[in-house]
Protein backbone atom coordinates (compact mmCIF):
# COMPACT_ATOMS: atom_id res chain seq x y z
CA UNK A 1 140.78 81.06 95.20
CA UNK A 2 140.73 78.56 92.38
CA UNK A 3 137.50 79.81 90.72
CA UNK A 4 135.40 80.65 92.74
CA UNK A 5 137.36 80.94 92.74
CA UNK A 6 136.54 81.97 94.28
CA UNK A 7 133.60 84.30 92.93
CA UNK A 8 136.39 82.51 93.85
CA UNK A 9 138.23 85.51 94.91
CA UNK A 10 139.14 83.02 95.76
CA UNK A 11 137.22 86.22 95.58
CA UNK A 12 133.85 84.67 95.21
CA UNK A 13 133.37 84.01 91.51
CA UNK A 14 131.27 87.04 90.85
CA UNK A 15 129.59 87.69 87.56
CA UNK A 16 126.88 90.21 87.07
CA UNK A 17 124.59 89.53 89.98
CA UNK A 18 121.48 90.10 87.88
CA UNK A 19 121.44 86.33 87.43
CA UNK A 20 121.48 85.30 91.09
CA UNK A 21 118.69 87.80 91.77
CA UNK A 22 116.64 86.14 89.06
CA UNK A 23 117.41 82.76 90.55
CA UNK A 24 115.91 83.86 93.84
CA UNK A 25 112.60 82.70 92.41
CA UNK A 26 111.72 79.15 93.37
CA UNK A 27 110.96 76.45 90.85
CA UNK A 28 112.01 75.97 87.24
CA UNK A 29 113.27 78.85 85.13
CA UNK A 30 114.84 79.50 81.75
CA UNK A 31 118.34 80.93 81.98
CA UNK A 32 119.51 83.02 79.03
CA UNK A 33 123.11 82.52 77.92
CA UNK A 34 125.33 84.19 75.32
CA UNK A 35 124.50 81.38 72.88
CA UNK A 36 121.04 80.25 71.86
CA UNK A 37 120.87 77.70 74.65
CA UNK A 38 118.37 77.88 77.48
CA UNK A 39 119.16 76.22 80.77
CA UNK A 40 116.26 74.94 82.84
CA UNK A 41 116.58 74.67 86.59
CA UNK A 42 115.79 71.16 87.83
CA UNK A 43 115.87 69.90 91.41
CA UNK A 44 116.67 66.39 92.61
CA UNK A 45 116.64 64.66 95.99
CA UNK A 46 120.15 63.54 96.94
CA UNK A 47 121.29 61.55 99.93
CA UNK A 48 122.96 63.64 102.61
CA UNK A 49 125.30 60.73 103.31
CA UNK A 50 125.86 58.22 100.53
CA UNK A 51 128.06 56.03 102.70
CA UNK A 52 125.82 55.64 105.76
CA UNK A 53 123.38 52.95 104.68
CA UNK A 54 121.31 53.43 107.83
CA UNK A 55 120.50 57.05 106.91
CA UNK A 56 117.64 57.99 104.59
CA UNK A 57 118.02 61.77 104.98
CA UNK A 58 118.05 63.76 101.73
CA UNK A 59 118.50 67.34 100.52
CA UNK A 60 117.45 69.23 97.41
CA UNK A 61 120.22 69.53 94.83
CA UNK A 62 120.06 71.88 91.87
CA UNK A 63 121.06 71.26 88.24
CA UNK A 64 120.76 73.45 85.15
CA UNK A 65 119.94 71.51 81.98
CA UNK A 66 119.80 72.34 78.26
CA UNK A 67 118.05 69.62 76.24
CA UNK A 68 117.60 71.69 73.08
CA UNK A 69 120.20 69.78 71.04
CA UNK A 70 119.23 66.20 71.83
CA UNK A 71 116.11 65.74 69.67
CA UNK A 72 117.91 66.20 66.36
CA UNK A 73 120.18 63.30 67.18
CA UNK A 74 117.27 61.07 68.25
CA UNK A 75 115.66 61.68 64.88
CA UNK A 76 118.90 60.66 63.19
CA UNK A 77 118.95 57.45 65.21
CA UNK A 78 122.08 58.33 67.14
CA UNK A 79 122.62 58.30 70.88
CA UNK A 80 122.90 61.68 72.57
CA UNK A 81 125.78 61.99 75.03
CA UNK A 82 125.66 63.91 78.28
CA UNK A 83 128.02 66.85 78.71
CA UNK A 84 128.18 67.06 82.50
CA UNK A 85 129.81 70.00 84.29
CA UNK A 86 130.96 68.99 87.76
CA UNK A 87 129.99 72.03 89.80
CA UNK A 88 132.61 73.48 92.09
CA UNK A 89 132.92 76.07 94.82
CA UNK A 90 130.14 78.51 94.01
CA UNK A 91 126.58 78.91 92.79
CA UNK A 92 126.17 76.82 89.65
CA UNK A 93 124.81 79.65 87.48
CA UNK A 94 128.14 81.46 87.82
CA UNK A 95 129.92 78.57 86.14
CA UNK A 96 127.18 78.00 83.56
CA UNK A 97 127.35 81.62 82.43
CA UNK A 98 131.14 81.51 82.11
CA UNK A 99 131.53 78.06 80.53
CA UNK A 100 130.64 78.23 76.86
CA UNK A 101 132.54 75.19 75.55
CA UNK A 102 129.68 72.80 76.37
CA UNK A 103 127.18 75.11 74.72
CA UNK A 104 129.30 75.44 71.58
CA UNK A 105 130.01 71.72 71.22
CA UNK A 106 126.51 70.47 72.07
CA UNK A 107 124.98 70.96 68.57
CA UNK A 108 127.87 69.08 66.94
CA UNK A 109 127.43 66.04 69.17
CA UNK A 110 123.72 66.34 69.94
CA UNK A 111 124.53 66.51 73.64
CA UNK A 112 122.38 67.02 76.69
CA UNK A 113 124.15 69.82 78.61
CA UNK A 114 124.03 69.57 82.40
CA UNK A 115 125.53 71.78 85.11
CA UNK A 116 125.03 70.36 88.61
CA UNK A 117 125.66 72.32 91.77
CA UNK A 118 128.16 71.12 94.36
CA UNK A 119 126.67 70.30 97.76
CA UNK A 120 127.03 73.11 100.33
CA UNK A 121 127.27 75.78 97.60
CA UNK A 122 124.71 78.03 95.95
CA UNK A 123 121.24 76.76 96.86
CA UNK A 124 122.19 73.10 97.34
CA UNK A 125 122.49 73.34 101.11
CA UNK A 126 121.71 70.11 103.02
CA UNK A 127 120.80 71.88 106.26
CA UNK A 128 119.98 75.39 105.05
CA UNK A 129 122.16 78.51 105.02
CA UNK A 130 124.40 80.05 107.64
CA UNK A 131 126.33 78.98 110.70
CA UNK A 132 123.19 77.69 112.39
CA UNK A 133 122.43 75.52 109.35
CA UNK A 134 124.74 73.70 106.96
CA UNK A 135 127.82 75.49 108.29
CA UNK A 136 127.44 74.52 111.93
CA UNK A 137 130.30 72.32 113.14
CA UNK A 138 128.00 69.35 113.63
CA UNK A 139 126.51 69.70 110.12
CA UNK A 140 129.41 70.56 107.84
CA UNK A 141 131.03 67.13 108.07
CA UNK A 142 128.93 65.89 105.14
CA UNK A 143 130.91 68.23 102.87
CA UNK A 144 133.63 66.21 101.14
CA UNK A 145 134.97 65.45 97.69
CA UNK A 146 133.78 61.85 97.99
CA UNK A 147 130.20 62.86 98.86
CA UNK A 148 130.14 65.40 95.99
CA UNK A 149 131.36 62.84 93.46
CA UNK A 150 128.78 60.35 94.73
CA UNK A 151 126.10 63.03 94.28
CA UNK A 152 127.04 63.40 90.63
CA UNK A 153 127.31 59.66 90.07
CA UNK A 154 123.83 59.10 91.51
CA UNK A 155 122.35 62.07 89.62
CA UNK A 156 123.55 60.98 86.18
CA UNK A 157 121.16 58.02 85.62
CA UNK A 158 118.21 60.05 86.90
CA UNK A 159 119.02 62.98 84.62
CA UNK A 160 119.27 60.65 81.63
CA UNK A 161 115.92 59.07 82.48
CA UNK A 162 114.21 62.42 83.05
CA UNK A 163 115.32 63.75 79.66
CA UNK A 164 114.67 60.60 77.67
CA UNK A 165 118.23 59.37 77.18
CA UNK A 166 119.30 55.76 77.35
CA UNK A 167 121.07 54.65 80.48
CA UNK A 168 123.97 53.68 78.21
CA UNK A 169 124.31 57.18 76.74
CA UNK A 170 127.96 58.17 77.12
CA UNK A 171 128.96 60.95 79.48
CA UNK A 172 131.78 63.48 79.19
CA UNK A 173 132.66 65.36 82.37
CA UNK A 174 133.83 68.98 82.22
CA UNK A 175 135.22 71.17 84.95
CA UNK A 176 137.45 74.15 85.64
CA UNK A 177 139.78 74.73 88.59
CA UNK A 178 138.52 72.63 91.53
CA UNK A 179 135.74 71.56 89.16
CA UNK A 180 138.46 70.29 86.82
CA UNK A 181 139.87 68.21 89.64
CA UNK A 182 136.38 66.81 90.21
CA UNK A 183 135.89 65.96 86.53
CA UNK A 184 139.21 64.08 86.45
CA UNK A 185 138.35 62.24 89.67
CA UNK A 186 134.89 61.40 88.30
CA UNK A 187 136.53 59.64 85.37
CA UNK A 188 139.03 57.94 87.66
CA UNK A 189 136.47 56.77 90.23
CA UNK A 190 133.35 56.09 88.16
CA UNK A 191 134.67 54.51 84.96
CA UNK A 192 131.35 52.86 84.19
CA UNK A 193 129.58 56.22 84.22
CA UNK A 194 132.05 58.69 82.72
CA UNK A 195 133.69 58.09 79.34
CA UNK A 196 136.10 61.02 79.38
CA UNK A 197 136.86 64.29 81.14
CA UNK A 198 138.05 67.80 80.26
CA UNK A 199 139.93 69.02 83.35
CA UNK A 200 140.76 72.68 82.76
CA UNK A 201 143.14 74.59 85.05
CA UNK A 202 142.96 71.74 87.55
CA UNK A 203 145.77 72.11 90.13
CA UNK A 204 145.92 68.37 90.82
CA UNK A 205 149.36 68.52 92.44
CA UNK A 206 148.12 70.58 95.38
CA UNK A 207 145.68 67.86 96.45
CA UNK A 208 148.44 65.31 97.00
CA UNK A 209 150.94 67.70 98.59
CA UNK A 210 153.16 68.08 95.55
CA UNK A 211 154.86 71.48 95.18
CA UNK A 212 153.72 73.74 92.37
CA UNK A 213 156.30 74.80 89.79
CA UNK A 214 156.19 77.74 89.50
CA UNK A 215 154.63 78.53 92.85
CA UNK A 216 151.30 80.34 92.91
CA UNK A 217 152.55 83.83 93.76
CA UNK A 218 155.69 83.31 91.71
CA UNK A 219 153.38 82.78 88.74
CA UNK A 220 151.60 86.05 89.55
CA UNK A 221 155.00 87.77 89.53
CA UNK A 222 155.85 86.21 86.16
CA UNK A 223 152.55 87.55 84.77
CA UNK A 224 153.45 91.05 85.95
CA UNK A 225 156.94 90.74 84.53
CA UNK A 226 155.57 89.60 81.19
CA UNK A 227 153.41 92.72 80.98
CA UNK A 228 156.21 95.08 82.07
CA UNK A 229 159.64 93.96 83.33
CA UNK A 230 159.62 96.80 85.86
CA UNK A 231 156.16 96.00 87.20
CA UNK A 232 157.04 93.44 89.92
CA UNK A 233 159.53 95.85 91.49
CA UNK A 234 156.94 98.64 91.50
CA UNK A 235 154.50 96.31 93.24
CA UNK A 236 157.20 95.32 95.74
CA UNK A 237 157.92 98.99 96.51
CA UNK A 238 154.20 99.71 96.88
CA UNK A 239 153.80 97.02 99.54
CA UNK A 240 156.93 98.31 101.31
CA UNK A 241 155.36 101.77 101.39
CA UNK A 242 152.13 100.26 102.68
CA UNK A 243 154.01 98.63 105.55
CA UNK A 244 155.91 101.86 106.24
CA UNK A 245 152.59 103.55 106.97
CA UNK A 246 150.95 100.51 108.61
CA UNK A 247 153.64 100.14 111.29
CA UNK A 248 152.14 96.84 112.53
CA UNK A 249 154.58 96.53 115.46
CA UNK A 250 154.04 100.05 116.77
CA UNK A 251 151.23 100.83 119.22
CA UNK A 252 152.05 104.54 119.63
CA UNK A 253 149.65 107.36 118.89
CA UNK A 254 151.90 108.45 116.04
CA UNK A 255 151.56 104.99 114.49
CA UNK A 256 147.78 105.17 114.87
CA UNK A 257 147.83 108.44 112.95
CA UNK A 258 150.01 106.88 110.27
CA UNK A 259 147.57 103.99 109.84
CA UNK A 260 144.76 106.51 109.53
CA UNK A 261 146.60 108.14 106.63
CA UNK A 262 147.06 104.71 105.06
CA UNK A 263 143.36 103.92 105.37
CA UNK A 264 142.54 107.19 103.64
CA UNK A 265 145.11 106.58 100.91
CA UNK A 266 143.59 103.18 100.14
CA UNK A 267 140.02 104.55 100.42
CA UNK A 268 138.94 102.31 103.28
CA UNK A 269 135.49 103.02 104.68
CA UNK A 270 136.80 102.76 108.24
CA UNK A 271 139.86 104.95 108.73
CA UNK A 272 140.47 103.50 112.19
CA UNK A 273 142.84 100.82 110.97
CA UNK A 274 144.20 98.81 113.90
CA UNK A 275 147.51 96.96 114.13
CA UNK A 276 145.57 93.71 114.16
CA UNK A 277 143.98 94.52 110.78
CA UNK A 278 147.24 95.04 108.91
CA UNK A 279 147.61 91.42 107.82
CA UNK A 280 143.99 91.43 106.60
CA UNK A 281 144.75 94.60 104.65
CA UNK A 282 147.85 93.03 103.10
CA UNK A 283 145.89 89.94 102.06
CA UNK A 284 143.10 92.10 100.62
CA UNK A 285 145.56 94.12 98.52
CA UNK A 286 147.47 91.00 97.45
CA UNK A 287 144.21 89.34 96.45
CA UNK A 288 143.68 92.03 93.82
CA UNK A 289 146.65 90.61 91.93
CA UNK A 290 145.26 87.07 92.31
CA UNK A 291 142.04 88.15 90.61
CA UNK A 292 143.94 90.00 87.88
CA UNK A 293 146.15 86.98 87.16
CA UNK A 294 143.32 84.45 87.09
CA UNK A 295 141.20 86.72 84.88
CA UNK A 296 143.92 87.92 82.51
CA UNK A 297 141.63 87.44 79.54
CA UNK A 298 142.06 89.14 76.13
CA UNK A 299 138.70 90.91 76.41
CA UNK A 300 136.66 92.64 79.13
CA UNK A 301 135.10 90.07 81.46
CA UNK A 302 133.21 89.93 84.74
CA UNK A 303 134.00 86.45 86.06
CA UNK A 304 135.62 87.48 89.37
CA UNK A 305 135.25 91.23 88.93
CA UNK A 306 134.41 93.63 86.10
CA UNK A 307 137.80 93.97 84.41
CA UNK A 308 139.20 95.34 81.15
CA UNK A 309 140.98 93.31 78.49
CA UNK A 310 144.41 92.02 79.58
CA UNK A 311 143.93 93.38 83.13
CA UNK A 312 147.49 92.52 84.22
CA UNK A 313 148.79 94.95 81.61
CA UNK A 314 146.23 97.50 82.77
CA UNK A 315 147.39 97.08 86.37
CA UNK A 316 151.03 97.52 85.40
CA UNK A 317 150.13 100.77 83.64
CA UNK A 318 148.46 101.92 86.83
CA UNK A 319 151.61 101.11 88.82
CA UNK A 320 153.56 103.71 86.82
CA UNK A 321 153.87 107.30 87.94
CA UNK A 322 151.63 108.99 85.42
CA UNK A 323 149.87 112.24 86.42
CA UNK A 324 147.40 111.74 83.58
CA UNK A 325 146.26 108.48 85.21
CA UNK A 326 146.60 109.35 88.89
CA UNK A 327 145.55 112.05 91.31
CA UNK A 328 145.30 109.83 94.36
CA UNK A 329 146.62 112.44 96.79
CA UNK A 330 144.34 115.14 95.48
CA UNK A 331 141.64 114.44 98.04
CA UNK A 332 143.91 114.42 101.09
CA UNK A 333 144.02 117.29 103.58
CA UNK A 334 147.31 119.20 103.40
CA UNK A 335 148.42 117.83 106.77
CA UNK A 336 147.98 114.24 105.64
CA UNK A 337 149.45 114.95 102.22
CA UNK A 338 152.62 116.25 103.83
CA UNK A 339 152.91 113.35 106.29
CA UNK A 340 152.28 110.80 103.55
CA UNK A 341 154.81 112.27 101.15
CA UNK A 342 157.42 112.60 103.90
CA UNK A 343 156.92 109.02 105.11
CA UNK A 344 157.10 107.49 101.65
CA UNK A 345 159.75 109.72 100.14
CA UNK A 346 157.70 110.84 97.16
CA UNK A 347 158.80 113.29 94.52
CA UNK A 348 157.48 116.76 93.87
CA UNK A 349 154.22 115.49 92.46
CA UNK A 350 153.42 113.72 95.74
CA UNK A 351 152.76 110.47 93.86
CA UNK A 352 154.16 107.22 95.24
CA UNK A 353 153.99 103.55 94.28
CA UNK A 354 151.36 103.16 97.01
CA UNK A 355 149.07 105.33 94.89
CA UNK A 356 149.58 102.89 92.05
CA UNK A 357 148.57 100.08 94.41
CA UNK A 358 145.48 102.06 95.43
CA UNK A 359 144.53 102.38 91.77
CA UNK A 360 145.00 98.64 91.19
CA UNK A 361 142.81 97.73 94.15
CA UNK A 362 140.23 100.19 92.80
CA UNK A 363 140.42 98.44 89.45
CA UNK A 364 139.53 95.11 91.08
CA UNK A 365 137.29 96.11 93.96
CA UNK A 366 135.63 98.96 92.04
CA UNK A 367 135.91 101.93 94.35
CA UNK A 368 135.64 105.43 92.96
CA UNK A 369 138.76 107.05 91.51
CA UNK A 370 139.31 110.55 90.25
CA UNK A 371 139.04 110.63 86.45
CA UNK A 372 140.82 110.38 84.14
CA UNK A 373 141.78 106.97 85.48
CA UNK A 374 141.92 103.45 84.11
CA UNK A 375 140.00 102.35 87.21
CA UNK A 376 137.05 104.46 86.07
CA UNK A 377 136.40 102.05 83.21
CA UNK A 378 134.60 99.69 85.55
CA UNK A 379 131.83 102.21 86.11
CA UNK A 380 130.16 100.99 82.93
CA UNK A 381 130.13 97.41 84.16
CA UNK A 382 129.79 97.85 87.90
CA UNK A 383 126.37 96.31 88.39
CA UNK A 384 127.95 93.26 90.00
CA UNK A 385 129.76 95.35 92.57
CA UNK A 386 126.85 97.67 93.29
CA UNK A 387 124.29 94.88 93.69
CA UNK A 388 126.70 92.82 95.75
CA UNK A 389 127.34 95.76 98.05
CA UNK A 390 123.61 96.24 98.51
CA UNK A 391 123.17 92.58 99.31
CA UNK A 392 126.10 92.32 101.72
CA UNK A 393 125.82 95.65 103.49
CA UNK A 394 122.21 96.76 103.66
CA UNK A 395 120.55 93.40 103.00
CA UNK A 396 117.41 95.39 102.13
CA UNK A 397 115.17 93.71 99.61
CA UNK A 398 114.12 97.05 98.19
CA UNK A 399 117.72 97.82 97.23
CA UNK A 400 117.87 94.67 95.14
CA UNK A 401 114.47 95.34 93.60
CA UNK A 402 115.45 98.89 92.66
CA UNK A 403 118.74 97.69 91.20
CA UNK A 404 117.05 94.96 89.17
CA UNK A 405 114.39 97.37 87.89
CA UNK A 406 117.08 99.85 86.89
CA UNK A 407 118.97 97.10 85.07
CA UNK A 408 115.88 95.93 83.15
CA UNK A 409 114.85 99.44 82.13
CA UNK A 410 118.30 100.19 80.72
CA UNK A 411 118.63 96.91 78.86
CA UNK A 412 121.46 95.74 81.05
CA UNK A 413 123.71 98.72 80.24
CA UNK A 414 123.08 101.07 83.15
CA UNK A 415 125.81 102.86 85.11
CA UNK A 416 125.09 102.82 88.85
CA UNK A 417 127.27 104.71 91.30
CA UNK A 418 130.51 102.96 92.12
CA UNK A 419 131.57 102.32 95.69
CA UNK A 420 133.27 105.28 97.28
CA UNK A 421 135.20 103.25 99.82
CA UNK A 422 136.24 99.71 100.68
CA UNK A 423 135.11 97.59 103.60
CA UNK A 424 137.79 94.95 104.20
CA UNK A 425 135.38 92.61 105.95
CA UNK A 426 132.95 92.74 103.00
CA UNK A 427 135.58 92.45 100.28
CA UNK A 428 137.94 89.76 101.51
CA UNK A 429 137.58 86.97 104.07
CA UNK A 430 140.71 85.66 105.77
CA UNK A 431 140.65 81.88 105.61
CA UNK A 432 142.57 78.63 105.17
CA UNK A 433 143.22 79.33 101.48
CA UNK A 434 145.74 82.14 101.08
CA UNK A 435 144.55 82.72 97.52
CA UNK A 436 141.09 83.64 98.84
CA UNK A 437 137.90 81.80 99.83
CA UNK A 438 135.10 84.01 98.58
CA UNK A 439 132.41 85.53 100.76
CA UNK A 440 129.55 84.39 102.96
CA UNK A 441 128.57 80.72 102.93
CA UNK A 442 130.80 80.09 99.91
CA UNK A 443 133.80 81.16 101.97
CA UNK A 444 132.75 78.91 104.85
CA UNK A 445 132.35 75.88 102.60
CA UNK A 446 135.68 76.31 100.82
CA UNK A 447 137.42 77.11 104.10
CA UNK A 448 136.27 73.76 105.48
CA UNK A 449 137.33 71.89 102.36
CA UNK A 450 140.83 73.37 102.52
CA UNK A 451 140.89 72.44 106.22
CA UNK A 452 140.17 68.81 105.41
CA UNK A 453 140.99 67.38 101.96
CA UNK A 454 142.19 70.16 99.63
CA UNK A 455 145.26 71.37 101.53
CA UNK A 456 146.57 74.50 99.83
CA UNK A 457 149.92 75.55 101.28
CA UNK A 458 150.63 78.85 99.53
CA UNK A 459 153.13 81.33 100.96
CA UNK A 460 154.82 84.54 99.82
CA UNK A 461 158.55 85.25 100.22
CA UNK A 462 159.21 88.68 98.63
CA UNK A 463 161.98 87.05 96.57
CA UNK A 464 160.24 84.98 93.90
CA UNK A 465 157.22 87.26 94.28
CA UNK A 466 156.73 90.97 95.08
CA UNK A 467 154.57 90.48 98.16
CA UNK A 468 155.55 90.77 101.84
CA UNK A 469 156.82 87.47 103.28
CA UNK A 470 154.06 85.35 104.80
CA UNK A 471 154.52 81.72 105.69
CA UNK A 472 151.51 79.43 105.43
CA UNK A 473 152.73 75.89 105.96
CA UNK A 474 151.24 72.71 107.36
CA UNK A 475 151.57 73.85 110.98
CA UNK A 476 149.94 77.25 110.34
CA UNK A 477 147.09 75.57 108.44
CA UNK A 478 146.57 72.96 111.17
CA UNK A 479 146.45 75.61 113.92
CA UNK A 480 143.93 77.67 111.98
CA UNK A 481 141.72 74.68 111.15
CA UNK A 482 141.63 73.39 114.71
CA UNK A 483 140.62 76.82 115.95
CA UNK A 484 138.02 77.45 113.25
CA UNK A 485 136.47 74.03 112.65
CA UNK A 486 137.92 71.69 115.24
CA UNK A 487 139.47 69.57 112.48
CA UNK A 488 142.99 68.72 111.37
CA UNK A 489 143.84 68.62 107.65
CA UNK A 490 144.43 65.16 106.24
CA UNK A 491 146.80 65.76 103.32
CA UNK A 492 147.50 62.03 103.04
CA UNK A 493 143.86 61.16 102.48
CA UNK A 494 143.77 62.46 98.90
CA UNK A 495 146.87 60.38 98.14
CA UNK A 496 145.04 57.27 99.31
CA UNK A 497 141.67 58.21 97.86
CA UNK A 498 142.79 59.30 94.39
CA UNK A 499 146.38 58.11 94.07
CA UNK A 500 149.47 60.21 93.65
CA UNK A 501 152.21 61.27 96.03
CA UNK A 502 154.15 64.45 96.69
CA UNK A 503 157.03 63.14 94.57
CA UNK A 504 154.84 61.50 91.92
CA UNK A 505 151.48 63.32 91.77
CA UNK A 506 150.32 61.50 88.60
CA UNK A 507 151.00 58.00 89.94
CA UNK A 508 147.35 57.10 90.52
CA UNK A 509 146.32 58.44 87.13
CA UNK A 510 148.96 56.42 85.32
CA UNK A 511 147.87 53.30 87.18
CA UNK A 512 144.13 53.53 86.60
CA UNK A 513 143.32 56.61 84.56
CA UNK A 514 142.56 57.28 80.90
CA UNK A 515 140.59 59.64 78.68
CA UNK A 516 141.33 62.89 80.52
CA UNK A 517 142.55 66.15 79.00
CA UNK A 518 144.50 68.38 81.39
CA UNK A 519 144.54 71.92 80.02
CA UNK A 520 146.42 74.83 81.60
CA UNK A 521 147.02 78.45 80.67
CA UNK A 522 150.48 79.76 81.47
CA UNK A 523 149.07 83.14 82.57
CA UNK A 524 147.00 81.39 85.24
CA UNK A 525 148.62 81.53 88.71
CA UNK A 526 147.38 77.97 89.30
CA UNK A 527 149.18 76.44 86.33
CA UNK A 528 152.21 75.33 88.35
CA UNK A 529 149.94 72.92 90.22
CA UNK A 530 148.64 71.34 87.03
CA UNK A 531 150.01 68.66 84.72
CA UNK A 532 152.00 70.51 82.06
CA UNK A 533 153.23 67.37 80.32
CA UNK A 534 151.26 64.40 79.01
CA UNK A 535 150.38 61.94 81.76
CA UNK A 536 149.91 59.26 79.09
CA UNK A 537 148.82 59.05 75.48
CA UNK A 538 145.17 59.04 76.52
CA UNK A 539 145.70 61.81 79.12
CA UNK A 540 147.36 64.65 77.22
CA UNK A 541 148.40 68.04 78.54
CA UNK A 542 147.06 70.96 76.50
CA UNK A 543 148.93 74.22 77.06
CA UNK A 544 147.61 77.73 76.36
CA UNK A 545 150.65 80.02 76.38
CA UNK A 546 148.52 83.18 76.59
CA UNK A 547 145.68 81.63 78.57
CA UNK A 548 144.41 82.58 82.03
CA UNK A 549 142.15 80.54 84.33
CA UNK A 550 140.30 77.93 82.21
CA UNK A 551 140.11 80.25 79.22
CA UNK A 552 139.44 77.24 76.98
CA UNK A 553 136.14 76.56 78.78
CA UNK A 554 134.87 80.08 78.13
CA UNK A 555 132.83 81.09 75.08
CA UNK A 556 134.88 81.55 71.92
CA UNK A 557 135.79 85.13 71.12
CA UNK A 558 137.44 86.74 68.10
CA UNK A 559 140.04 88.20 70.48
CA UNK A 560 141.12 84.78 71.79
CA UNK A 561 144.82 84.01 71.37
CA UNK A 562 145.63 81.17 68.94
CA UNK A 563 146.34 78.78 71.83
CA UNK A 564 142.72 78.94 72.98
CA UNK A 565 141.40 78.07 69.52
CA UNK A 566 143.85 75.19 69.25
CA UNK A 567 143.01 73.92 72.76
CA UNK A 568 139.28 73.81 72.05
CA UNK A 569 139.91 72.01 68.76
CA UNK A 570 142.08 69.44 70.53
CA UNK A 571 139.45 68.92 73.22
CA UNK A 572 136.71 68.47 70.63
CA UNK A 573 138.92 65.94 68.83
CA UNK A 574 139.41 63.97 72.05
CA UNK A 575 135.68 64.05 72.83
CA UNK A 576 134.94 62.72 69.34
CA UNK A 577 137.43 59.90 69.95
CA UNK A 578 135.94 59.01 73.35
CA UNK A 579 132.40 58.94 71.96
CA UNK A 580 133.51 56.70 69.11
CA UNK A 581 135.06 54.36 71.68
CA UNK A 582 131.78 54.33 73.60
CA UNK A 583 129.80 53.61 70.44
CA UNK A 584 132.10 50.73 69.52
CA UNK A 585 131.79 49.27 73.03
CA UNK A 586 128.03 49.41 72.74
CA UNK A 587 128.17 47.59 69.41
CA UNK A 588 130.52 44.98 70.85
CA UNK A 589 128.25 44.39 73.82
CA UNK A 590 130.45 46.27 76.29
CA UNK A 591 134.20 46.14 76.74
CA UNK A 592 136.70 47.61 79.17
CA UNK A 593 136.43 51.39 79.46
């Protein structure tokens, strides 16, 4: 899950779902944001296949545009630039609501702010939703990095014309996670269109088969260790206790009963947990730590889930044996309480590390927990979870209408009931990306991309990380992708298409790249796949020591660590430099970019 995500968990990048419900209305709309900006929804016709000259088929592609800052610069006789966010794996409003840097810089530069949606995500579906539409095997082949970049390249001149900008107005690309990869590739591939790029938390190494250092789950472990040196071992013990109850290799009736206890302990909706579901359960529980690591922000946020400030520290507090924070066994029948305590070797209180894990999953997935509990904090911000549950489970329009009415009446601060149990199938989709793919059509789209161009080989070993060993190498990925999509990953294609090799991932950038900032936060599990040292003088690495997943792209906050403030200042400085270069080229009649 890079962003989405996955709300790229990858849980799917979920913010408060009040916005997507509003976007269900067709046509243009004004989208309120934390700043004064208003984004207007605009639709364009894009070619389904840019590289088949015999095809004239098109689809409707969505962009969100804020033109409120451009007029002042026209009056002053200056050229307004375009700040263009290269949409990634999710609905575009999710990224617009969580990407404040463009909004904050636009008045300074008089920029037209544009967020365009990636094909096959959100509402920009070439053949409609579902497995009978865009996600049928014979339709999904038009989903590729190259087609998405061509979409953006073809949209740019039309957006400029529609909003009264000169065709020569400079463009700065922005993106986070996979979107950061796209923004860097836009600059690399379309030099005549893009004058510079801010590539935040872009794990470029993964795309060309270069190993991440540290590895993804090793970075999660380092986050836990930074919050509490004893935390990784507590997490390791919790997963061992989970496996002790799961007994995945035992088909006996006694093992079935043990798995039933486990399901109850973790508050699963279905207590008939089969042997075949154990790996899904492990991935679901592990994914909670992925979300916590990616969203380890210094303030409460709802990007992937409603979480408190510094959620990794919160999770490590939950992993401690603290009767004031936990009463996880309190709801178990005496027979199950005795079996559970005996199996896991708990102390007199009956508490085990597994109960800490249950509390952490509740923190992320927002199930009910007995107060007082840190997990209960999400009740005040659980609209996203409640509305999402209504949408995924009941799919009844009246549920959404009631939820939206309730939200509006309470001014956005209502407290709906939290979920009382977890449904593994609704919360986490097993897929080609072992960091998560999201849910629904988002999961299908990202799954296909990982099965073709964006090969993500992420394993756990229980040595450098606290999670049960699970190997996910090239052979496992290829087997899965053939079975699911009838395709074989082409890890060498990105090397040819964008340059770079496993041993020298920045080779293509050094040969033909310039004017790209690569920013990475060292709390972000993806940072080991990014460029942590300058690629060249014009492609600097900006490091946020206390930064999580593209923190620098988010709205400024008084609680931001100093590194975030410094990163945004550096990025603004680079943008100023790139725009000055563009202005000088225009005066000189055009020079090399």
